[in-house]
């Protein structure tokens, strides 16, 4: 097995946390010269340089522990945002559509609840007007309003239409579209004349910036 090297250092240790890797390298040319890096997609970032092995090993462990704590904080924050109660009663089932957006069910009814921390980032003002506020959430009743949220999340590529034995390709979106057109014609008109163009322009700008790099 060939040695893994970077910038004149032999990689002797590595630790993976989620999609992030931390490595320890030993200089091939300079005595008592060590480094730790954070790695992602084959790139090495933020080198910490040390003059003894124990110091480098300690740094590797500390950097890994910091990343573990960061991921745990994110998971804890997501858990805090999950609703335990809804306008339709106590939540008995909760499915995450994307971060901060939940499809909830109660004993008799349900809908979609969007935490207000993320609402402005995942929904347009026109979509927000289709729901109502309850505590820290924007709520969309399942029969008539939740489809607006689903349609917009799909347009923003934050949610993918399911394909299964109940919904062959294209069927789920057609059901959602029919509901939105029937129950929220004003939103549907806004989507066709403004939202889709704005999202396409944003995607094009993103593509152009990536090409410039």
Protein backbone atom coordinates (compact mmCIF):
# COMPACT_ATOMS: atom_id res chain seq x y z
CA UNK A 1 0.00 0.00 0.00
CA UNK A 2 1.47 3.36 -1.03
CA UNK A 3 2.09 6.07 1.52
CA UNK A 4 -0.30 8.96 1.65
CA UNK A 5 1.48 12.30 1.54
CA UNK A 6 0.68 15.99 1.37
CA UNK A 7 3.01 19.01 1.09
CA UNK A 8 6.05 16.98 2.14
CA UNK A 9 4.37 15.23 5.09
CA UNK A 10 3.57 11.53 5.42
CA UNK A 11 0.03 11.01 6.74
CA UNK A 12 0.34 8.56 9.62
CA UNK A 13 -3.02 8.91 11.40
CA UNK A 14 -6.55 9.86 10.40
CA UNK A 15 -9.95 10.14 12.08
CA UNK A 16 -13.31 10.49 10.32
CA UNK A 17 -16.25 12.38 11.84
CA UNK A 18 -19.26 12.60 9.57
CA UNK A 19 -18.02 13.80 6.17
CA UNK A 20 -14.93 15.43 7.70
CA UNK A 21 -11.51 13.85 8.17
CA UNK A 22 -8.66 14.98 10.43
CA UNK A 23 -5.13 13.75 9.73
CA UNK A 24 -1.70 13.86 11.33
CA UNK A 25 1.38 14.23 9.16
CA UNK A 26 5.11 13.72 9.81
CA UNK A 27 7.62 15.75 7.80
CA UNK A 28 9.69 13.77 5.30
CA UNK A 29 12.56 16.25 5.44
CA UNK A 30 12.60 18.14 8.77
CA UNK A 31 13.19 16.38 12.11
CA UNK A 32 10.53 16.89 14.82
CA UNK A 33 8.10 18.57 12.45
CA UNK A 34 4.44 17.48 12.60
CA UNK A 35 1.11 18.83 11.37
CA UNK A 36 -2.61 18.17 11.68
CA UNK A 37 -5.06 19.06 8.91
CA UNK A 38 -8.77 19.04 8.38
CA UNK A 39 -9.63 17.29 5.11
CA UNK A 40 -12.64 17.33 2.81
CA UNK A 41 -12.99 16.12 -0.78
CA UNK A 42 -9.27 15.46 -1.04
CA UNK A 43 -8.29 18.97 0.08
CA UNK A 44 -6.29 19.85 3.21
CA UNK A 45 -7.20 22.87 5.36
CA UNK A 46 -6.05 24.79 8.42
CA UNK A 47 -2.76 23.17 9.26
CA UNK A 48 -1.66 23.17 12.90
CA UNK A 49 2.11 22.70 13.14
CA UNK A 50 3.94 21.11 16.09
CA UNK A 51 7.49 20.34 17.15
CA UNK A 52 6.77 17.04 18.93
CA UNK A 53 4.60 14.03 18.21
CA UNK A 54 2.58 14.08 21.42
CA UNK A 55 1.53 17.67 20.86
CA UNK A 56 0.35 16.79 17.34
CA UNK A 57 -1.52 13.70 18.59
CA UNK A 58 -3.19 15.77 21.29
CA UNK A 59 -4.22 18.37 18.72
CA UNK A 60 -5.64 15.67 16.44
CA UNK A 61 -7.81 14.36 19.27
CA UNK A 62 -8.94 17.87 20.29
CA UNK A 63 -9.86 18.87 16.74
CA UNK A 64 -11.84 15.66 16.33
CA UNK A 65 -13.66 16.25 19.63
CA UNK A 66 -14.55 19.81 18.59
CA UNK A 67 -16.11 18.51 15.38
CA UNK A 68 -18.08 15.89 17.30
CA UNK A 69 -19.41 18.66 19.55
CA UNK A 70 -20.34 20.79 16.51
CA UNK A 71 -22.33 17.94 14.96
CA UNK A 72 -24.02 17.19 18.28
CA UNK A 73 -25.05 20.85 18.62
CA UNK A 74 -26.66 20.72 15.17
CA UNK A 75 -28.51 17.51 16.03
CA UNK A 76 -29.68 18.95 19.34
CA UNK A 77 -30.90 22.13 17.63
CA UNK A 78 -32.88 20.08 15.11
CA UNK A 79 -34.44 18.09 17.94
CA UNK A 80 -35.42 21.29 19.77
CA UNK A 81 -37.16 22.57 16.62
CA UNK A 82 -39.30 19.45 16.25
CA UNK A 83 -42.84 20.20 17.44
CA UNK A 84 -44.37 18.20 20.25
CA UNK A 85 -47.78 19.82 19.98
CA UNK A 86 -49.68 21.21 17.02
CA UNK A 87 -52.81 23.29 16.40
CA UNK A 88 -54.53 19.99 15.65
CA UNK A 89 -53.54 18.29 18.90
CA UNK A 90 -50.63 16.35 20.35
CA UNK A 91 -48.14 15.26 17.70
CA UNK A 92 -48.12 11.50 17.29
CA UNK A 93 -45.95 11.33 14.17
CA UNK A 94 -43.36 13.76 12.88
CA UNK A 95 -41.49 13.46 9.58
CA UNK A 96 -38.76 15.94 8.60
CA UNK A 97 -39.20 17.26 5.06
CA UNK A 98 -36.08 19.44 5.34
CA UNK A 99 -34.36 21.22 8.23
CA UNK A 100 -37.02 22.98 10.32
CA UNK A 101 -39.96 21.76 8.22
CA UNK A 102 -42.10 18.94 9.59
CA UNK A 103 -45.07 16.94 8.41
CA UNK A 104 -47.00 16.08 11.56
CA UNK A 105 -49.91 13.84 12.36
CA UNK A 106 -52.23 13.80 15.37
CA UNK A 107 -54.98 11.45 16.47
CA UNK A 108 -57.45 13.05 14.07
CA UNK A 109 -55.69 15.49 11.76
CA UNK A 110 -52.35 17.02 10.78
CA UNK A 111 -50.42 19.27 8.48
CA UNK A 112 -47.02 20.86 7.94
CA UNK A 113 -45.29 22.98 10.58
CA UNK A 114 -42.40 25.26 9.64
CA UNK A 115 -40.24 26.69 12.41
CA UNK A 116 -40.08 30.45 12.08
CA UNK A 117 -36.28 30.37 12.35
CA UNK A 118 -36.12 28.82 8.86
CA UNK A 119 -39.39 29.98 7.31
CA UNK A 120 -37.93 32.99 5.49
CA UNK A 121 -35.16 30.85 3.99
CA UNK A 122 -37.32 28.04 2.61
CA UNK A 123 -40.60 29.76 1.73
CA UNK A 124 -41.59 32.82 -0.26
CA UNK A 125 -43.78 35.51 1.24
CA UNK A 126 -46.63 34.28 -0.95
CA UNK A 127 -46.33 30.78 0.49
CA UNK A 128 -46.13 32.06 4.05
CA UNK A 129 -49.45 33.89 3.57
CA UNK A 130 -51.13 30.53 2.92
CA UNK A 131 -50.45 29.39 6.49
CA UNK A 132 -51.10 30.66 10.00
CA UNK A 133 -48.92 31.26 13.03
CA UNK A 134 -49.06 29.08 16.12
CA UNK A 135 -46.31 29.75 18.67
CA UNK A 136 -42.92 29.34 17.01
CA UNK A 137 -44.34 27.73 13.88
CA UNK A 138 -46.07 28.56 10.65
CA UNK A 139 -48.77 25.94 10.19
CA UNK A 140 -50.36 24.60 7.02
CA UNK A 141 -53.43 22.36 7.33
CA UNK A 142 -53.05 19.04 5.50
CA UNK A 143 -56.19 19.10 3.35
CA UNK A 144 -55.81 22.46 1.60
CA UNK A 145 -52.65 24.33 2.60
CA UNK A 146 -49.75 21.90 3.14
CA UNK A 147 -49.47 21.30 -0.60
CA UNK A 148 -48.21 24.88 -1.06
CA UNK A 149 -45.23 24.10 1.17
CA UNK A 150 -44.51 20.83 -0.59
CA UNK A 151 -44.71 22.48 -4.03
CA UNK A 152 -42.29 25.22 -3.02
CA UNK A 153 -39.83 22.84 -1.35
CA UNK A 154 -39.77 20.78 -4.54
CA UNK A 155 -39.21 23.92 -6.62
CA UNK A 156 -36.31 24.86 -4.35
CA UNK A 157 -34.93 21.30 -4.56
CA UNK A 158 -35.26 20.90 -0.79
CA UNK A 159 -37.68 17.98 -1.09
CA UNK A 160 -37.95 15.25 -3.70
CA UNK A 161 -41.29 13.90 -4.88
CA UNK A 162 -41.68 10.27 -3.83
CA UNK A 163 -41.85 7.53 -6.44
CA UNK A 164 -43.37 4.27 -5.21
CA UNK A 165 -46.21 1.81 -5.75
CA UNK A 166 -48.71 4.59 -5.07
CA UNK A 167 -47.01 7.33 -7.07
CA UNK A 168 -45.38 6.50 -10.42
CA UNK A 169 -43.00 9.17 -11.79
CA UNK A 170 -44.77 12.53 -12.13
CA UNK A 171 -47.97 11.46 -10.34
CA UNK A 172 -47.15 12.97 -6.94
CA UNK A 173 -46.32 16.36 -8.42
CA UNK A 174 -49.50 16.38 -10.50
CA UNK A 175 -51.58 15.71 -7.36
CA UNK A 176 -49.82 18.50 -5.47
CA UNK A 177 -50.21 20.90 -8.41
CA UNK A 178 -53.92 20.20 -8.75
CA UNK A 179 -54.48 20.87 -5.05
CA UNK A 180 -52.54 24.15 -5.11
CA UNK A 181 -54.35 25.38 -8.22
CA UNK A 182 -57.72 24.53 -6.68
CA UNK A 183 -57.18 25.86 -3.16
CA UNK A 184 -54.64 28.67 -3.67
CA UNK A 185 -55.00 30.07 -7.19
CA UNK A 186 -53.31 33.35 -6.17
CA UNK A 187 -50.21 31.48 -5.04
CA UNK A 188 -50.21 29.38 -8.20
CA UNK A 189 -50.27 32.53 -10.33
CA UNK A 190 -47.40 34.02 -8.29
CA UNK A 191 -45.41 30.82 -8.72
CA UNK A 192 -45.78 30.85 -12.50
CA UNK A 193 -45.08 34.55 -13.04
CA UNK A 194 -42.46 35.29 -10.37
CA UNK A 195 -41.16 32.46 -8.19
CA UNK A 196 -39.97 30.01 -10.86
CA UNK A 197 -38.14 32.77 -12.75
CA UNK A 198 -36.47 33.98 -9.55
CA UNK A 199 -35.34 30.46 -8.63
CA UNK A 200 -34.03 29.84 -12.15
CA UNK A 201 -32.05 33.09 -12.05
CA UNK A 202 -30.59 32.18 -8.68
CA UNK A 203 -29.56 28.75 -9.94
CA UNK A 204 -27.97 30.30 -13.02
CA UNK A 205 -26.03 32.80 -10.90
CA UNK A 206 -24.81 29.95 -8.71
CA UNK A 207 -23.65 28.02 -11.78
CA UNK A 208 -21.85 31.07 -13.17
CA UNK A 209 -20.00 31.65 -9.90
CA UNK A 210 -18.89 28.01 -9.78
CA UNK A 211 -17.52 28.30 -13.32
CA UNK A 212 -15.53 31.40 -12.35
CA UNK A 213 -13.70 29.55 -9.56
